[in-house]
Every structure is written in structure tokens, then in C-alpha cells.
Amino acid sequence: MKTKKPTAFIFAILTAILFLSYTTVSQDRKPWVVPDNAKKMKNPVKVDDEAISIGKSLYAKHCKSCHGKNGEGDGTKAAELKTPPGDFTTKEFHDQTDGELFYKTTEGRDDMPEFKKKIASDEDRWILVHYIRTLKK
């Protein structure tokens, strides 16, 4: 009879760990809702070689450490984050509008910081959207 108590206790602990792991993973995957007016915003900046060059520089300074050199979400700081950084190379990512990407970059969420102060120029954040669009598998 003594063996049942430790077994039940261990089972309860394992169940609790599995539950907490599941809820943590579930929270990481919650949808990022972007307001309709932001989704409809059009990128006012012309995409050209100069814009891509500026965007690459902005990306290297502000995004690469989490999202990685090629935008796959594998940057040097990625493992430290509670929520996985987005993978900019996926079809799902590229299916978003420029307005959605601009909004997410501007406002941030969870581990993703808001960049309206770090990259104060709207034009530079739009340029960054152009550059991020070049990151595809």
C-alpha cells in the first residue's frame, strides 16, 4: 500500500508538468490580431535597390539577433525568448499584407518590442517591410 502513494504523487506531478507545458505552447501560438484599418494600409515607399539596402541595414541592427540572418527565427537571442520569433521565410508570413507587417513592427507584442521609438521614422519601418519581403526560402 505504501507504493501506491508515491506512484500517485509522481503521476500527479507528471500530469501537472504536461499541462503546464501544453498551456505554455498554446499561449505561444495565439493569433496576432491586427486591426482591419492597419491590414488595409498600403506601403507608401517605393521599393528599389536603395530601399532594400537601407532595409537590410535596419534589419541587421534591429531584427537579426532574434529573427536570424536569413529571417528563419533562429537568431542568437531566439533561445532566450518566451515566445518564438517569427519565421519571415514562410508562405504564411508572406501572405500578410504590408500593413499587417508594418503594424506588428510598429506596435510589437510579448517578446517582440515595439519599434515606433527605436525606428522612429514611419518611412524606415515601411522600408524594413520591403526588405523583410526579400527573405524567402
C-alpha atoms as a PDB file:
ATOM      1  CA  MET A   1       0.000   0.000   0.000  1.00  0.00           C
ATOM      2  CA  LYS A   2       2.926   2.364   0.570  1.00  0.00           C
ATOM      3  CA  THR A   3       3.941   2.075  -3.077  1.00  0.00           C
ATOM      4  CA  LYS A   4       0.604   3.485  -4.294  1.00  0.00           C
ATOM      5  CA  LYS A   5       1.094   6.876  -2.639  1.00  0.00           C
ATOM      6  CA  PRO A   6       4.457   7.663  -4.267  1.00  0.00           C
ATOM      7  CA  THR A   7       3.180   6.382  -7.620  1.00  0.00           C
ATOM      8  CA  ALA A   8       0.073   8.557  -7.384  1.00  0.00           C
ATOM      9  CA  PHE A   9       2.189  11.531  -6.332  1.00  0.00           C
ATOM     10  CA  ILE A  10       4.604  11.067  -9.234  1.00  0.00           C
ATOM     11  CA  PHE A  11       1.676  10.679 -11.645  1.00  0.00           C
ATOM     12  CA  ALA A  12       0.133  13.919 -10.342  1.00  0.00           C
ATOM     13  CA  ILE A  13       3.426  15.785 -10.758  1.00  0.00           C
ATOM     14  CA  LEU A  14       3.920  14.494 -14.309  1.00  0.00           C
ATOM     15  CA  THR A  15       0.348  15.415 -15.213  1.00  0.00           C
ATOM     16  CA  ALA A  16       0.865  18.942 -13.876  1.00  0.00           C
ATOM     17  CA  ILE A  17       4.111  19.329 -15.852  1.00  0.00           C
ATOM     18  CA  LEU A  18       2.452  18.144 -19.058  1.00  0.00           C
ATOM     19  CA  PHE A  19      -0.483  20.508 -18.513  1.00  0.00           C
ATOM     20  CA  LEU A  20       1.799  23.494 -17.911  1.00  0.00           C
ATOM     21  CA  SER A  21       3.884  22.608 -20.968  1.00  0.00           C
ATOM     22  CA  TYR A  22       0.768  22.388 -23.110  1.00  0.00           C
ATOM     23  CA  THR A  23      -0.652  25.719 -21.923  1.00  0.00           C
ATOM     24  CA  THR A  24       2.687  27.448 -22.457  1.00  0.00           C
ATOM     25  CA  VAL A  25       2.923  26.146 -26.021  1.00  0.00           C
ATOM     26  CA  SER A  26      -0.715  27.056 -26.670  1.00  0.00           C
ATOM     27  CA  GLN A  27      -0.158  30.614 -25.485  1.00  0.00           C
ATOM     28  CA  ASP A  28       2.861  30.967 -27.768  1.00  0.00           C
ATOM     29  CA  ARG A  29       0.676  30.223 -30.772  1.00  0.00           C
ATOM     30  CA  LYS A  30      -2.133  32.665 -30.093  1.00  0.00           C
ATOM     31  CA  PRO A  31      -3.090  34.611 -33.203  1.00  0.00           C
ATOM     32  CA  TRP A  32      -1.789  38.137 -33.561  1.00  0.00           C
ATOM     33  CA  VAL A  33      -4.886  40.136 -34.380  1.00  0.00           C
ATOM     34  CA  VAL A  34      -4.244  43.207 -36.495  1.00  0.00           C
ATOM     35  CA  PRO A  35      -6.984  45.851 -36.801  1.00  0.00           C
ATOM     36  CA  ASP A  36      -8.677  45.956 -40.213  1.00  0.00           C
ATOM     37  CA  ASN A  37      -7.598  49.549 -40.860  1.00  0.00           C
ATOM     38  CA  ALA A  38      -3.954  48.528 -40.359  1.00  0.00           C
ATOM     39  CA  LYS A  39      -4.316  45.493 -42.653  1.00  0.00           C
ATOM     40  CA  LYS A  40      -5.527  47.781 -45.434  1.00  0.00           C
ATOM     41  CA  MET A  41      -2.611  50.227 -45.188  1.00  0.00           C
ATOM     42  CA  LYS A  42      -0.525  50.410 -48.354  1.00  0.00           C
ATOM     43  CA  ASN A  43       3.239  50.778 -48.305  1.00  0.00           C
ATOM     44  CA  PRO A  44       3.855  54.367 -49.455  1.00  0.00           C
ATOM     45  CA  VAL A  45       7.585  53.822 -50.023  1.00  0.00           C
ATOM     46  CA  LYS A  46       8.813  52.844 -53.465  1.00  0.00           C
ATOM     47  CA  VAL A  47      10.738  49.590 -53.443  1.00  0.00           C
ATOM     48  CA  ASP A  48      14.100  49.912 -55.160  1.00  0.00           C
ATOM     49  CA  ASP A  49      17.725  48.910 -54.582  1.00  0.00           C
ATOM     50  CA  GLU A  50      18.334  51.838 -52.238  1.00  0.00           C
ATOM     51  CA  ALA A  51      15.307  50.956 -50.081  1.00  0.00           C
ATOM     52  CA  ILE A  52      16.373  47.301 -49.896  1.00  0.00           C
ATOM     53  CA  SER A  53      19.892  48.352 -48.891  1.00  0.00           C
ATOM     54  CA  ILE A  54      18.579  50.615 -46.121  1.00  0.00           C
ATOM     55  CA  GLY A  55      16.157  47.884 -45.026  1.00  0.00           C
ATOM     56  CA  LYS A  56      18.964  45.344 -44.841  1.00  0.00           C
ATOM     57  CA  SER A  57      20.931  47.681 -42.593  1.00  0.00           C
ATOM     58  CA  LEU A  58      17.897  48.290 -40.345  1.00  0.00           C
ATOM     59  CA  TYR A  59      17.240  44.546 -40.188  1.00  0.00           C
ATOM     60  CA  ALA A  60      20.850  43.811 -39.199  1.00  0.00           C
ATOM     61  CA  LYS A  61      20.666  46.376 -36.399  1.00  0.00           C
ATOM     62  CA  HIS A  62      17.188  45.706 -35.006  1.00  0.00           C
ATOM     63  CA  CYS A  63      15.892  42.282 -36.097  1.00  0.00           C
ATOM     64  CA  LYS A  64      18.710  39.850 -36.862  1.00  0.00           C
ATOM     65  CA  SER A  65      19.534  38.957 -33.248  1.00  0.00           C
ATOM     66  CA  CYS A  66      16.097  37.342 -32.794  1.00  0.00           C
ATOM     67  CA  HIS A  67      14.926  36.526 -36.312  1.00  0.00           C
ATOM     68  CA  GLY A  68      18.309  35.378 -37.632  1.00  0.00           C
ATOM     69  CA  LYS A  69      20.461  36.287 -40.610  1.00  0.00           C
ATOM     70  CA  ASN A  70      18.002  34.786 -43.107  1.00  0.00           C
ATOM     71  CA  GLY A  71      14.800  35.555 -41.169  1.00  0.00           C
ATOM     72  CA  GLU A  72      14.142  31.979 -40.053  1.00  0.00           C
ATOM     73  CA  GLY A  73      13.605  32.851 -36.373  1.00  0.00           C
ATOM     74  CA  ASP A  74      16.949  31.387 -35.336  1.00  0.00           C
ATOM     75  CA  GLY A  75      18.881  34.449 -34.187  1.00  0.00           C
ATOM     76  CA  THR A  76      21.395  34.422 -31.356  1.00  0.00           C
ATOM     77  CA  LYS A  77      18.783  35.704 -28.856  1.00  0.00           C
ATOM     78  CA  ALA A  78      15.942  33.434 -30.037  1.00  0.00           C
ATOM     79  CA  ALA A  79      16.532  30.761 -27.369  1.00  0.00           C
ATOM     80  CA  GLU A  80      16.205  33.359 -24.589  1.00  0.00           C
ATOM     81  CA  LEU A  81      12.688  34.401 -25.634  1.00  0.00           C
ATOM     82  CA  LYS A  82       9.451  33.126 -24.091  1.00  0.00           C
ATOM     83  CA  THR A  83       7.729  33.225 -27.474  1.00  0.00           C
ATOM     84  CA  PRO A  84       9.459  32.008 -30.619  1.00  0.00           C
ATOM     85  CA  PRO A  85      10.375  34.766 -33.056  1.00  0.00           C
ATOM     86  CA  GLY A  86       8.534  34.685 -36.342  1.00  0.00           C
ATOM     87  CA  ASP A  87       9.963  32.955 -39.375  1.00  0.00           C
ATOM     88  CA  PHE A  88       9.967  35.536 -42.165  1.00  0.00           C
ATOM     89  CA  THR A  89      10.596  32.917 -44.853  1.00  0.00           C
ATOM     90  CA  THR A  90       7.265  31.093 -44.709  1.00  0.00           C
ATOM     91  CA  LYS A  91       4.311  31.362 -47.066  1.00  0.00           C
ATOM     92  CA  GLU A  92       2.061  32.195 -44.094  1.00  0.00           C
ATOM     93  CA  PHE A  93       4.271  35.142 -43.256  1.00  0.00           C
ATOM     94  CA  HIS A  94       4.342  36.418 -46.837  1.00  0.00           C
ATOM     95  CA  ASP A  95       0.571  36.055 -47.146  1.00  0.00           C
ATOM     96  CA  GLN A  96       0.216  39.000 -44.735  1.00  0.00           C
ATOM     97  CA  THR A  97      -0.313  42.484 -46.108  1.00  0.00           C
ATOM     98  CA  ASP A  98       2.352  45.166 -45.860  1.00  0.00           C
ATOM     99  CA  GLY A  99       0.004  46.936 -43.452  1.00  0.00           C
ATOM    100  CA  GLU A 100      -0.033  43.923 -41.132  1.00  0.00           C
ATOM    101  CA  LEU A 101       3.754  43.727 -41.103  1.00  0.00           C
ATOM    102  CA  PHE A 102       4.082  47.465 -40.543  1.00  0.00           C
ATOM    103  CA  TYR A 103       1.582  47.300 -37.651  1.00  0.00           C
ATOM    104  CA  LYS A 104       3.353  44.374 -35.975  1.00  0.00           C
ATOM    105  CA  THR A 105       6.739  46.054 -36.334  1.00  0.00           C
ATOM    106  CA  THR A 106       5.384  49.329 -35.009  1.00  0.00           C
ATOM    107  CA  GLU A 107       3.320  48.037 -32.074  1.00  0.00           C
ATOM    108  CA  GLY A 108       5.105  44.843 -31.023  1.00  0.00           C
ATOM    109  CA  ARG A 109       3.702  42.140 -28.721  1.00  0.00           C
ATOM    110  CA  ASP A 110       5.084  39.914 -25.974  1.00  0.00           C
ATOM    111  CA  ASP A 111       8.827  39.467 -26.645  1.00  0.00           C
ATOM    112  CA  MET A 112       8.578  41.404 -29.903  1.00  0.00           C
ATOM    113  CA  PRO A 113       9.323  45.011 -28.940  1.00  0.00           C
ATOM    114  CA  GLU A 114       7.519  47.965 -30.431  1.00  0.00           C
ATOM    115  CA  PHE A 115       9.735  49.799 -32.863  1.00  0.00           C
ATOM    116  CA  LYS A 116       7.928  53.129 -33.095  1.00  0.00           C
ATOM    117  CA  LYS A 117      10.626  54.627 -30.861  1.00  0.00           C
ATOM    118  CA  LYS A 118      13.659  52.537 -31.882  1.00  0.00           C
ATOM    119  CA  ILE A 119      12.901  53.152 -35.562  1.00  0.00           C
ATOM    120  CA  ALA A 120      11.079  56.450 -35.205  1.00  0.00           C
ATOM    121  CA  SER A 121      10.624  57.103 -38.920  1.00  0.00           C
ATOM    122  CA  ASP A 122       7.495  55.566 -40.441  1.00  0.00           C
ATOM    123  CA  GLU A 123       9.331  55.573 -43.764  1.00  0.00           C
ATOM    124  CA  ASP A 124      12.147  53.441 -42.317  1.00  0.00           C
ATOM    125  CA  ARG A 125       9.649  50.913 -40.896  1.00  0.00           C
ATOM    126  CA  TRP A 126       7.977  50.706 -44.330  1.00  0.00           C
ATOM    127  CA  ILE A 127      11.423  50.195 -45.885  1.00  0.00           C
ATOM    128  CA  LEU A 128      12.025  47.403 -43.384  1.00  0.00           C
ATOM    129  CA  VAL A 129       8.801  45.733 -44.577  1.00  0.00           C
ATOM    130  CA  HIS A 130      10.170  45.825 -48.140  1.00  0.00           C
ATOM    131  CA  TYR A 131      13.422  44.202 -47.004  1.00  0.00           C
ATOM    132  CA  ILE A 132      11.713  41.520 -44.930  1.00  0.00           C
ATOM    133  CA  ARG A 133       9.731  40.561 -48.034  1.00  0.00           C
ATOM    134  CA  THR A 134      13.038  39.558 -49.689  1.00  0.00           C
ATOM    135  CA  LEU A 135      13.558  36.824 -47.058  1.00  0.00           C
ATOM    136  CA  LYS A 136      12.113  33.685 -48.629  1.00  0.00           C
ATOM    137  CA  LYS A 137      13.179  30.061 -48.777  1.00  0.00           C
END
